[in-house]
Amino acid sequence: MSFFWALLLVIVLLAGWVLTLVGMPGNWLMVAAAAVYMFLVPEQSSLHIGWQVVAVLGEQWKGRTLDASWQVGKAAFWGRLLGTLGKTAVASVMVVVAAAALVL
């Protein structure tokens, strides 16, 4: 049964890749497929994968060392955090301005 799930995973990953090529959100399909696969295939199976395998293969495929990947990950975290805080601040100002315009 594990072989069936592995084959289905490869087919769904290829479909996600094709969707990405034509501008559709295929990456989300690929992430969802990997997550579902992890839950369906028992850990004792030789075909089981974990998040670590996916992450390391992705970084190696891009040609990055683990140290470079760590630096990129930290920079992405801070960028997302600061971007979210900035958007939240702008949205708060918009709410205050709109509320003031309704009251005044």
PDB file of N, CA and C in Angstrom:
ATOM      1  N   MET A   1       0.820  -1.196   0.000  1.00  0.00           N
ATOM      2  CA  MET A   1       0.000   0.000   0.000  1.00  0.00           C
ATOM      3  C   MET A   1       0.861   1.256   0.000  1.00  0.00           C
ATOM      4  N   SER A   2       2.033   1.193   0.663  1.00  0.00           N
ATOM      5  CA  SER A   2       2.922   2.351   0.698  1.00  0.00           C
ATOM      6  C   SER A   2       3.405   2.724  -0.698  1.00  0.00           C
ATOM      7  N   PHE A   3       3.634   1.708  -1.536  1.00  0.00           N
ATOM      8  CA  PHE A   3       4.069   1.984  -2.902  1.00  0.00           C
ATOM      9  C   PHE A   3       3.002   2.768  -3.649  1.00  0.00           C
ATOM     10  N   PHE A   4       1.734   2.432  -3.444  1.00  0.00           N
ATOM     11  CA  PHE A   4       0.629   3.150  -4.077  1.00  0.00           C
ATOM     12  C   PHE A   4       0.650   4.615  -3.669  1.00  0.00           C
ATOM     13  N   TRP A   5       0.821   4.888  -2.344  1.00  0.00           N
ATOM     14  CA  TRP A   5       0.837   6.277  -1.867  1.00  0.00           C
ATOM     15  C   TRP A   5       2.038   7.035  -2.427  1.00  0.00           C
ATOM     16  N   ALA A   6       3.183   6.348  -2.547  1.00  0.00           N
ATOM     17  CA  ALA A   6       4.375   6.992  -3.104  1.00  0.00           C
ATOM     18  C   ALA A   6       4.161   7.350  -4.571  1.00  0.00           C
ATOM     19  N   LEU A   7       3.567   6.434  -5.319  1.00  0.00           N
ATOM     20  CA  LEU A   7       3.287   6.700  -6.726  1.00  0.00           C
ATOM     21  C   LEU A   7       2.285   7.846  -6.874  1.00  0.00           C
ATOM     22  N   LEU A   8       1.263   7.839  -6.034  1.00  0.00           N
ATOM     23  CA  LEU A   8       0.272   8.920  -6.070  1.00  0.00           C
ATOM     24  C   LEU A   8       0.912  10.254  -5.700  1.00  0.00           C
ATOM     25  N   LEU A   9       1.836  10.239  -4.742  1.00  0.00           N
ATOM     26  CA  LEU A   9       2.541  11.468  -4.372  1.00  0.00           C
ATOM     27  C   LEU A   9       3.315  12.022  -5.557  1.00  0.00           C
ATOM     28  N   VAL A  10       4.030  11.174  -6.249  1.00  0.00           N
ATOM     29  CA  VAL A  10       4.814  11.624  -7.407  1.00  0.00           C
ATOM     30  C   VAL A  10       3.899  12.202  -8.478  1.00  0.00           C
ATOM     31  N   ILE A  11       2.768  11.580  -8.715  1.00  0.00           N
ATOM     32  CA  ILE A  11       1.827  12.079  -9.725  1.00  0.00           C
ATOM     33  C   ILE A  11       1.284  13.446  -9.318  1.00  0.00           C
ATOM     34  N   VAL A  12       0.908  13.590  -8.051  1.00  0.00           N
ATOM     35  CA  VAL A  12       0.380  14.876  -7.581  1.00  0.00           C
ATOM     36  C   VAL A  12       1.466  15.947  -7.607  1.00  0.00           C
ATOM     37  N   LEU A  13       2.693  15.596  -7.247  1.00  0.00           N
ATOM     38  CA  LEU A  13       3.791  16.559  -7.308  1.00  0.00           C
ATOM     39  C   LEU A  13       4.042  17.023  -8.736  1.00  0.00           C
ATOM     40  N   LEU A  14       3.982  16.111  -9.669  1.00  0.00           N
ATOM     41  CA  LEU A  14       4.143  16.491 -11.078  1.00  0.00           C
ATOM     42  C   LEU A  14       2.999  17.387 -11.541  1.00  0.00           C
ATOM     43  N   ALA A  15       1.777  17.073 -11.105  1.00  0.00           N
ATOM     44  CA  ALA A  15       0.633  17.928 -11.445  1.00  0.00           C
ATOM     45  C   ALA A  15       0.807  19.324 -10.851  1.00  0.00           C
ATOM     46  N   GLY A  16       1.296  19.403  -9.621  1.00  0.00           N
ATOM     47  CA  GLY A  16       1.560  20.704  -9.004  1.00  0.00           C
ATOM     48  C   GLY A  16       2.628  21.479  -9.748  1.00  0.00           C
ATOM     49  N   TRP A  17       3.630  20.766 -10.214  1.00  0.00           N
ATOM     50  CA  TRP A  17       4.692  21.413 -10.989  1.00  0.00           C
ATOM     51  C   TRP A  17       4.144  21.996 -12.276  1.00  0.00           C
ATOM     52  N   VAL A  18       3.293  21.240 -12.963  1.00  0.00           N
ATOM     53  CA  VAL A  18       2.684  21.723 -14.207  1.00  0.00           C
ATOM     54  C   VAL A  18       1.793  22.930 -13.912  1.00  0.00           C
ATOM     55  N   LEU A  19       1.019  22.868 -12.833  1.00  0.00           N
ATOM     56  CA  LEU A  19       0.177  24.008 -12.468  1.00  0.00           C
ATOM     57  C   LEU A  19       1.027  25.250 -12.195  1.00  0.00           C
ATOM     58  N   THR A  20       2.164  25.069 -11.554  1.00  0.00           N
ATOM     59  CA  THR A  20       3.054  26.201 -11.279  1.00  0.00           C
ATOM     60  C   THR A  20       3.579  26.788 -12.585  1.00  0.00           C
ATOM     61  N   LEU A  21       3.883  25.937 -13.545  1.00  0.00           N
ATOM     62  CA  LEU A  21       4.382  26.419 -14.837  1.00  0.00           C
ATOM     63  C   LEU A  21       3.374  27.305 -15.552  1.00  0.00           C
ATOM     64  N   VAL A  22       2.089  27.025 -15.381  1.00  0.00           N
ATOM     65  CA  VAL A  22       1.067  27.814 -16.067  1.00  0.00           C
ATOM     66  C   VAL A  22       0.494  28.925 -15.182  1.00  0.00           C
ATOM     67  N   GLY A  23       1.170  29.210 -14.065  1.00  0.00           N
ATOM     68  CA  GLY A  23       0.782  30.336 -13.233  1.00  0.00           C
ATOM     69  C   GLY A  23      -0.291  30.054 -12.198  1.00  0.00           C
ATOM     70  N   MET A  24      -0.595  28.812 -11.950  1.00  0.00           N
ATOM     71  CA  MET A  24      -1.588  28.463 -10.932  1.00  0.00           C
ATOM     72  C   MET A  24      -0.856  28.132  -9.627  1.00  0.00           C
ATOM     73  N   PRO A  25      -1.571  28.071  -8.505  1.00  0.00           N
ATOM     74  CA  PRO A  25      -0.910  27.804  -7.221  1.00  0.00           C
ATOM     75  C   PRO A  25      -0.573  26.325  -7.005  1.00  0.00           C
ATOM     76  N   GLY A  26       0.292  25.797  -7.810  1.00  0.00           N
ATOM     77  CA  GLY A  26       0.670  24.396  -7.700  1.00  0.00           C
ATOM     78  C   GLY A  26       1.543  24.098  -6.494  1.00  0.00           C
ATOM     79  N   ASN A  27       2.276  25.110  -6.000  1.00  0.00           N
ATOM     80  CA  ASN A  27       3.133  24.879  -4.836  1.00  0.00           C
ATOM     81  C   ASN A  27       2.310  24.469  -3.625  1.00  0.00           C
ATOM     82  N   TRP A  28       1.144  25.076  -3.460  1.00  0.00           N
ATOM     83  CA  TRP A  28       0.285  24.724  -2.325  1.00  0.00           C
ATOM     84  C   TRP A  28      -0.201  23.285  -2.448  1.00  0.00           C
ATOM     85  N   LEU A  29      -0.490  22.860  -3.654  1.00  0.00           N
ATOM     86  CA  LEU A  29      -0.896  21.478  -3.884  1.00  0.00           C
ATOM     87  C   LEU A  29       0.238  20.531  -3.505  1.00  0.00           C
ATOM     88  N   MET A  30       1.454  20.907  -3.837  1.00  0.00           N
ATOM     89  CA  MET A  30       2.606  20.069  -3.542  1.00  0.00           C
ATOM     90  C   MET A  30       2.856  19.977  -2.032  1.00  0.00           C
ATOM     91  N   VAL A  31       2.732  21.087  -1.340  1.00  0.00           N
ATOM     92  CA  VAL A  31       2.918  21.074   0.116  1.00  0.00           C
ATOM     93  C   VAL A  31       1.833  20.231   0.781  1.00  0.00           C
ATOM     94  N   ALA A  32       0.593  20.417   0.343  1.00  0.00           N
ATOM     95  CA  ALA A  32      -0.514  19.638   0.911  1.00  0.00           C
ATOM     96  C   ALA A  32      -0.326  18.147   0.641  1.00  0.00           C
ATOM     97  N   ALA A  33       0.119  17.809  -0.564  1.00  0.00           N
ATOM     98  CA  ALA A  33       0.331  16.402  -0.907  1.00  0.00           C
ATOM     99  C   ALA A  33       1.416  15.784  -0.027  1.00  0.00           C
ATOM    100  N   ALA A  34       2.498  16.519   0.206  1.00  0.00           N
ATOM    101  CA  ALA A  34       3.575  15.992   1.060  1.00  0.00           C
ATOM    102  C   ALA A  34       3.082  15.815   2.494  1.00  0.00           C
ATOM    103  N   ALA A  35       2.283  16.761   2.981  1.00  0.00           N
ATOM    104  CA  ALA A  35       1.764  16.652   4.348  1.00  0.00           C
ATOM    105  C   ALA A  35       0.830  15.454   4.486  1.00  0.00           C
ATOM    106  N   VAL A  36      -0.058  15.279   3.527  1.00  0.00           N
ATOM    107  CA  VAL A  36      -0.979  14.140   3.576  1.00  0.00           C
ATOM    108  C   VAL A  36      -0.204  12.831   3.462  1.00  0.00           C
ATOM    109  N   TYR A  37       0.792  12.806   2.605  1.00  0.00           N
ATOM    110  CA  TYR A  37       1.603  11.600   2.426  1.00  0.00           C
ATOM    111  C   TYR A  37       2.294  11.207   3.731  1.00  0.00           C
ATOM    112  N   MET A  38       2.807  12.206   4.455  1.00  0.00           N
ATOM    113  CA  MET A  38       3.483  11.912   5.722  1.00  0.00           C
ATOM    114  C   MET A  38       2.545  11.232   6.713  1.00  0.00           C
ATOM    115  N   PHE A  39       1.278  11.619   6.700  1.00  0.00           N
ATOM    116  CA  PHE A  39       0.328  11.028   7.636  1.00  0.00           C
ATOM    117  C   PHE A  39      -0.165   9.658   7.176  1.00  0.00           C
ATOM    118  N   LEU A  40      -0.183   9.423   5.877  1.00  0.00           N
ATOM    119  CA  LEU A  40      -0.716   8.163   5.367  1.00  0.00           C
ATOM    120  C   LEU A  40       0.293   7.021   5.389  1.00  0.00           C
ATOM    121  N   VAL A  41       1.564   7.348   5.207  1.00  0.00           N
ATOM    122  CA  VAL A  41       2.590   6.301   5.144  1.00  0.00           C
ATOM    123  C   VAL A  41       3.215   6.145   6.530  1.00  0.00           C
ATOM    124  N   PRO A  42       3.203   4.929   7.079  1.00  0.00           N
ATOM    125  CA  PRO A  42       3.767   4.714   8.420  1.00  0.00           C
ATOM    126  C   PRO A  42       5.267   5.022   8.458  1.00  0.00           C
ATOM    127  N   GLU A  43       5.726   5.453   9.618  1.00  0.00           N
ATOM    128  CA  GLU A  43       7.141   5.802   9.772  1.00  0.00           C
ATOM    129  C   GLU A  43       8.062   4.601   9.577  1.00  0.00           C
ATOM    130  N   GLN A  44       7.563   3.418   9.799  1.00  0.00           N
ATOM    131  CA  GLN A  44       8.380   2.221   9.649  1.00  0.00           C
ATOM    132  C   GLN A  44       8.616   1.860   8.179  1.00  0.00           C
ATOM    133  N   SER A  45       7.846   2.434   7.293  1.00  0.00           N
ATOM    134  CA  SER A  45       7.977   2.126   5.878  1.00  0.00           C
ATOM    135  C   SER A  45       9.262   2.725   5.312  1.00  0.00           C
ATOM    136  N   SER A  46       9.853   2.018   4.372  1.00  0.00           N
ATOM    137  CA  SER A  46      11.064   2.541   3.728  1.00  0.00           C
ATOM    138  C   SER A  46      10.737   3.708   2.800  1.00  0.00           C
ATOM    139  N   LEU A  47       9.459   3.903   2.497  1.00  0.00           N
ATOM    140  CA  LEU A  47       9.045   4.990   1.611  1.00  0.00           C
ATOM    141  C   LEU A  47       8.595   6.226   2.377  1.00  0.00           C
ATOM    142  N   HIS A  48       8.722   6.210   3.702  1.00  0.00           N
ATOM    143  CA  HIS A  48       8.298   7.353   4.508  1.00  0.00           C
ATOM    144  C   HIS A  48       9.268   8.518   4.327  1.00  0.00           C
ATOM    145  N   ILE A  49       8.717   9.736   4.266  1.00  0.00           N
ATOM    146  CA  ILE A  49       9.547  10.936   4.233  1.00  0.00           C
ATOM    147  C   ILE A  49       9.168  11.816   5.412  1.00  0.00           C
ATOM    148  N   GLY A  50      10.070  12.676   5.798  1.00  0.00           N
ATOM    149  CA  GLY A  50       9.811  13.625   6.869  1.00  0.00           C
ATOM    150  C   GLY A  50      10.069  15.035   6.372  1.00  0.00           C
ATOM    151  N   TRP A  51       9.709  15.998   7.188  1.00  0.00           N
ATOM    152  CA  TRP A  51       9.902  17.404   6.790  1.00  0.00           C
ATOM    153  C   TRP A  51      11.375  17.712   6.583  1.00  0.00           C
ATOM    154  N   GLN A  52      12.218  17.086   7.384  1.00  0.00           N
ATOM    155  CA  GLN A  52      13.640  17.360   7.263  1.00  0.00           C
ATOM    156  C   GLN A  52      14.169  16.956   5.884  1.00  0.00           C
ATOM    157  N   VAL A  53      13.695  15.844   5.383  1.00  0.00           N
ATOM    158  CA  VAL A  53      14.141  15.366   4.071  1.00  0.00           C
ATOM    159  C   VAL A  53      13.747  16.363   2.993  1.00  0.00           C
ATOM    160  N   VAL A  54      12.515  16.825   3.053  1.00  0.00           N
ATOM    161  CA  VAL A  54      12.027  17.770   2.051  1.00  0.00           C
ATOM    162  C   VAL A  54      12.819  19.072   2.109  1.00  0.00           C
ATOM    163  N   ALA A  55      13.046  19.575   3.313  1.00  0.00           N
ATOM    164  CA  ALA A  55      13.757  20.849   3.468  1.00  0.00           C
ATOM    165  C   ALA A  55      15.205  20.743   2.992  1.00  0.00           C
ATOM    166  N   VAL A  56      15.888  19.697   3.404  1.00  0.00           N
ATOM    167  CA  VAL A  56      17.289  19.547   3.025  1.00  0.00           C
ATOM    168  C   VAL A  56      17.430  19.350   1.522  1.00  0.00           C
ATOM    169  N   LEU A  57      16.586  18.536   0.921  1.00  0.00           N
ATOM    170  CA  LEU A  57      16.662  18.335  -0.523  1.00  0.00           C
ATOM    171  C   LEU A  57      16.395  19.618  -1.281  1.00  0.00           C
ATOM    172  N   GLY A  58      15.431  20.388  -0.814  1.00  0.00           N
ATOM    173  CA  GLY A  58      15.130  21.664  -1.477  1.00  0.00           C
ATOM    174  C   GLY A  58      16.298  22.631  -1.405  1.00  0.00           C
ATOM    175  N   GLU A  59      16.933  22.714  -0.266  1.00  0.00           N
ATOM    176  CA  GLU A  59      18.066  23.617  -0.116  1.00  0.00           C
ATOM    177  C   GLU A  59      19.280  23.129  -0.904  1.00  0.00           C
ATOM    178  N   GLN A  60      19.514  21.827  -0.913  1.00  0.00           N
ATOM    179  CA  GLN A  60      20.630  21.286  -1.684  1.00  0.00           C
ATOM    180  C   GLN A  60      20.400  21.477  -3.176  1.00  0.00           C
ATOM    181  N   TRP A  61      19.155  21.340  -3.597  1.00  0.00           N
ATOM    182  CA  TRP A  61      18.822  21.505  -5.012  1.00  0.00           C
ATOM    183  C   TRP A  61      19.113  22.934  -5.457  1.00  0.00           C
ATOM    184  N   LYS A  62      18.902  23.897  -4.554  1.00  0.00           N
ATOM    185  CA  LYS A  62      19.176  25.294  -4.884  1.00  0.00           C
ATOM    186  C   LYS A  62      20.662  25.603  -4.831  1.00  0.00           C
ATOM    187  N   GLY A  63      21.462  24.678  -4.331  1.00  0.00           N
ATOM    188  CA  GLY A  63      22.897  24.876  -4.274  1.00  0.00           C
ATOM    189  C   GLY A  63      23.358  25.621  -3.033  1.00  0.00           C
ATOM    190  N   ARG A  64      22.540  25.689  -2.007  1.00  0.00           N
ATOM    191  CA  ARG A  64      22.899  26.407  -0.787  1.00  0.00           C
ATOM    192  C   ARG A  64      23.497  25.448   0.244  1.00  0.00           C
ATOM    193  N   THR A  65      24.411  25.978   1.034  1.00  0.00           N
ATOM    194  CA  THR A  65      24.911  25.214   2.176  1.00  0.00           C
ATOM    195  C   THR A  65      23.902  25.371   3.313  1.00  0.00           C
ATOM    196  N   LEU A  66      24.046  24.559   4.344  1.00  0.00           N
ATOM    197  CA  LEU A  66      23.128  24.656   5.472  1.00  0.00           C
ATOM    198  C   LEU A  66      23.279  25.984   6.206  1.00  0.00           C
ATOM    199  N   ASP A  67      24.507  26.508   6.287  1.00  0.00           N
ATOM    200  CA  ASP A  67      24.716  27.811   6.929  1.00  0.00           C
ATOM    201  C   ASP A  67      24.033  28.920   6.144  1.00  0.00           C
ATOM    202  N   ALA A  68      24.140  28.881   4.831  1.00  0.00           N
ATOM    203  CA  ALA A  68      23.492  29.892   4.001  1.00  0.00           C
ATOM    204  C   ALA A  68      21.971  29.784   4.117  1.00  0.00           C
ATOM    205  N   SER A  69      21.473  28.568   4.189  1.00  0.00           N
ATOM    206  CA  SER A  69      20.032  28.376   4.346  1.00  0.00           C
ATOM    207  C   SER A  69      19.542  28.946   5.666  1.00  0.00           C
ATOM    208  N   TRP A  70      20.332  28.771   6.719  1.00  0.00           N
ATOM    209  CA  TRP A  70      19.967  29.307   8.033  1.00  0.00           C
ATOM    210  C   TRP A  70      19.918  30.831   7.983  1.00  0.00           C
ATOM    211  N   GLN A  71      20.887  31.449   7.331  1.00  0.00           N
ATOM    212  CA  GLN A  71      20.904  32.911   7.216  1.00  0.00           C
ATOM    213  C   GLN A  71      19.708  33.419   6.414  1.00  0.00           C
ATOM    214  N   VAL A  72      19.378  32.737   5.346  1.00  0.00           N
ATOM    215  CA  VAL A  72      18.219  33.120   4.546  1.00  0.00           C
ATOM    216  C   VAL A  72      16.942  32.957   5.354  1.00  0.00           C
ATOM    217  N   GLY A  73      16.845  31.890   6.120  1.00  0.00           N
ATOM    218  CA  GLY A  73      15.668  31.655   6.949  1.00  0.00           C
ATOM    219  C   GLY A  73      15.484  32.740   7.995  1.00  0.00           C
ATOM    220  N   LYS A  74      16.579  33.153   8.633  1.00  0.00           N
ATOM    221  CA  LYS A  74      16.487  34.220   9.631  1.00  0.00           C
ATOM    222  C   LYS A  74      16.080  35.539   8.986  1.00  0.00           C
ATOM    223  N   ALA A  75      16.657  35.837   7.839  1.00  0.00           N
ATOM    224  CA  ALA A  75      16.310  37.084   7.152  1.00  0.00           C
ATOM    225  C   ALA A  75      14.848  37.070   6.709  1.00  0.00           C
ATOM    226  N   ALA A  76      14.368  35.927   6.235  1.00  0.00           N
ATOM    227  CA  ALA A  76      12.962  35.823   5.828  1.00  0.00           C
ATOM    228  C   ALA A  76      12.037  35.998   7.021  1.00  0.00           C
ATOM    229  N   PHE A  77      12.412  35.442   8.162  1.00  0.00           N
ATOM    230  CA  PHE A  77      11.598  35.597   9.372  1.00  0.00           C
ATOM    231  C   PHE A  77      11.470  37.066   9.744  1.00  0.00           C
ATOM    232  N   TRP A  78      12.598  37.764   9.828  1.00  0.00           N
ATOM    233  CA  TRP A  78      12.557  39.171  10.228  1.00  0.00           C
ATOM    234  C   TRP A  78      11.847  40.021   9.186  1.00  0.00           C
ATOM    235  N   GLY A  79      12.048  39.720   7.922  1.00  0.00           N
ATOM    236  CA  GLY A  79      11.350  40.465   6.873  1.00  0.00           C
ATOM    237  C   GLY A  79       9.846  40.287   6.952  1.00  0.00           C
ATOM    238  N   ARG A  80       9.406  39.068   7.166  1.00  0.00           N
ATOM    239  CA  ARG A  80       7.970  38.818   7.271  1.00  0.00           C
ATOM    240  C   ARG A  80       7.398  39.461   8.526  1.00  0.00           C
ATOM    241  N   LEU A  81       8.124  39.359   9.643  1.00  0.00           N
ATOM    242  CA  LEU A  81       7.647  39.952  10.884  1.00  0.00           C
ATOM    243  C   LEU A  81       7.518  41.468  10.763  1.00  0.00           C
ATOM    244  N   LEU A  82       8.550  42.116  10.260  1.00  0.00           N
ATOM    245  CA  LEU A  82       8.502  43.572  10.117  1.00  0.00           C
ATOM    246  C   LEU A  82       7.468  44.005   9.075  1.00  0.00           C
ATOM    247  N   GLY A  83       7.341  43.243   8.006  1.00  0.00           N
ATOM    248  CA  GLY A  83       6.317  43.554   7.001  1.00  0.00           C
ATOM    249  C   GLY A  83       4.911  43.441   7.567  1.00  0.00           C
ATOM    250  N   THR A  84       4.677  42.407   8.352  1.00  0.00           N
ATOM    251  CA  THR A  84       3.364  42.223   8.976  1.00  0.00           C
ATOM    252  C   THR A  84       3.066  43.346   9.966  1.00  0.00           C
ATOM    253  N   LEU A  85       4.054  43.713  10.759  1.00  0.00           N
ATOM    254  CA  LEU A  85       3.856  44.812  11.705  1.00  0.00           C
ATOM    255  C   LEU A  85       3.584  46.125  10.973  1.00  0.00           C
ATOM    256  N   GLY A  86       4.304  46.360   9.884  1.00  0.00           N
ATOM    257  CA  GLY A  86       4.073  47.578   9.098  1.00  0.00           C
ATOM    258  C   GLY A  86       2.678  47.607   8.487  1.00  0.00           C
ATOM    259  N   LYS A  87       2.242  46.492   7.930  1.00  0.00           N
ATOM    260  CA  LYS A  87       0.887  46.432   7.355  1.00  0.00           C
ATOM    261  C   LYS A  87      -0.178  46.598   8.421  1.00  0.00           C
ATOM    262  N   THR A  88       0.066  46.024   9.596  1.00  0.00           N
ATOM    263  CA  THR A  88      -0.885  46.166  10.689  1.00  0.00           C
ATOM    264  C   THR A  88      -0.977  47.623  11.135  1.00  0.00           C
ATOM    265  N   ALA A  89       0.148  48.313  11.191  1.00  0.00           N
ATOM    266  CA  ALA A  89       0.147  49.723  11.576  1.00  0.00           C
ATOM    267  C   ALA A  89      -0.614  50.561  10.556  1.00  0.00           C
ATOM    268  N   VAL A  90      -0.375  50.328   9.284  1.00  0.00           N
ATOM    269  CA  VAL A  90      -1.087  51.078   8.245  1.00  0.00           C
ATOM    270  C   VAL A  90      -2.584  50.778   8.300  1.00  0.00           C
ATOM    271  N   ALA A  91      -2.954  49.531   8.493  1.00  0.00           N
ATOM    272  CA  ALA A  91      -4.377  49.171   8.582  1.00  0.00           C
ATOM    273  C   ALA A  91      -5.020  49.825   9.798  1.00  0.00           C
ATOM    274  N   SER A  92      -4.293  49.913  10.905  1.00  0.00           N
ATOM    275  CA  SER A  92      -4.831  50.566  12.105  1.00  0.00           C
ATOM    276  C   SER A  92      -5.093  52.041  11.849  1.00  0.00           C
ATOM    277  N   VAL A  93      -4.179  52.698  11.173  1.00  0.00           N
ATOM    278  CA  VAL A  93      -4.379  54.107  10.827  1.00  0.00           C
ATOM    279  C   VAL A  93      -5.594  54.264   9.916  1.00  0.00           C
ATOM    280  N   MET A  94      -5.747  53.354   8.973  1.00  0.00           N
ATOM    281  CA  MET A  94      -6.896  53.417   8.063  1.00  0.00           C
ATOM    282  C   MET A  94      -8.211  53.268   8.828  1.00  0.00           C
ATOM    283  N   VAL A  95      -8.251  52.376   9.799  1.00  0.00           N
ATOM    284  CA  VAL A  95      -9.463  52.184  10.601  1.00  0.00           C
ATOM    285  C   VAL A  95      -9.756  53.444  11.408  1.00  0.00           C
ATOM    286  N   VAL A  96      -8.736  54.026  12.015  1.00  0.00           N
ATOM    287  CA  VAL A  96      -8.930  55.244  12.814  1.00  0.00           C
ATOM    288  C   VAL A  96      -9.419  56.389  11.931  1.00  0.00           C
ATOM    289  N   VAL A  97      -8.831  56.569  10.764  1.00  0.00           N
ATOM    290  CA  VAL A  97      -9.241  57.634   9.852  1.00  0.00           C
ATOM    291  C   VAL A  97     -10.679  57.409   9.389  1.00  0.00           C
ATOM    292  N   ALA A  98     -11.024  56.186   9.033  1.00  0.00           N
ATOM    293  CA  ALA A  98     -12.381  55.894   8.586  1.00  0.00           C
ATOM    294  C   ALA A  98     -13.382  56.103   9.725  1.00  0.00           C
ATOM    295  N   ALA A  99     -13.044  55.682  10.925  1.00  0.00           N
ATOM    296  CA  ALA A  99     -13.938  55.870  12.076  1.00  0.00           C
ATOM    297  C   ALA A  99     -14.108  57.357  12.381  1.00  0.00           C
ATOM    298  N   ALA A 100     -13.017  58.107  12.291  1.00  0.00           N
ATOM    299  CA  ALA A 100     -13.099  59.551  12.534  1.00  0.00           C
ATOM    300  C   ALA A 100     -13.957  60.228  11.472  1.00  0.00           C
ATOM    301  N   ALA A 101     -13.848  59.804  10.225  1.00  0.00           N
ATOM    302  CA  ALA A 101     -14.652  60.396   9.154  1.00  0.00           C
ATOM    303  C   ALA A 101     -16.128  60.105   9.350  1.00  0.00           C
ATOM    304  N   LEU A 102     -16.460  58.953   9.899  1.00  0.00           N
ATOM    305  CA  LEU A 102     -17.864  58.621  10.147  1.00  0.00           C
ATOM    306  C   LEU A 102     -18.443  59.422  11.312  1.00  0.00           C
ATOM    307  N   VAL A 103     -17.616  59.660  12.325  1.00  0.00           N
ATOM    308  CA  VAL A 103     -18.075  60.362  13.513  1.00  0.00           C
ATOM    309  C   VAL A 103     -18.139  61.860  13.270  1.00  0.00           C
ATOM    310  N   LEU A 104     -17.167  62.391  12.587  1.00  0.00           N
ATOM    311  CA  LEU A 104     -17.099  63.841  12.380  1.00  0.00           C
ATOM    312  C   LEU A 104     -17.890  64.238  11.199  1.00  0.00           C
TER     313      LEU A 104
END
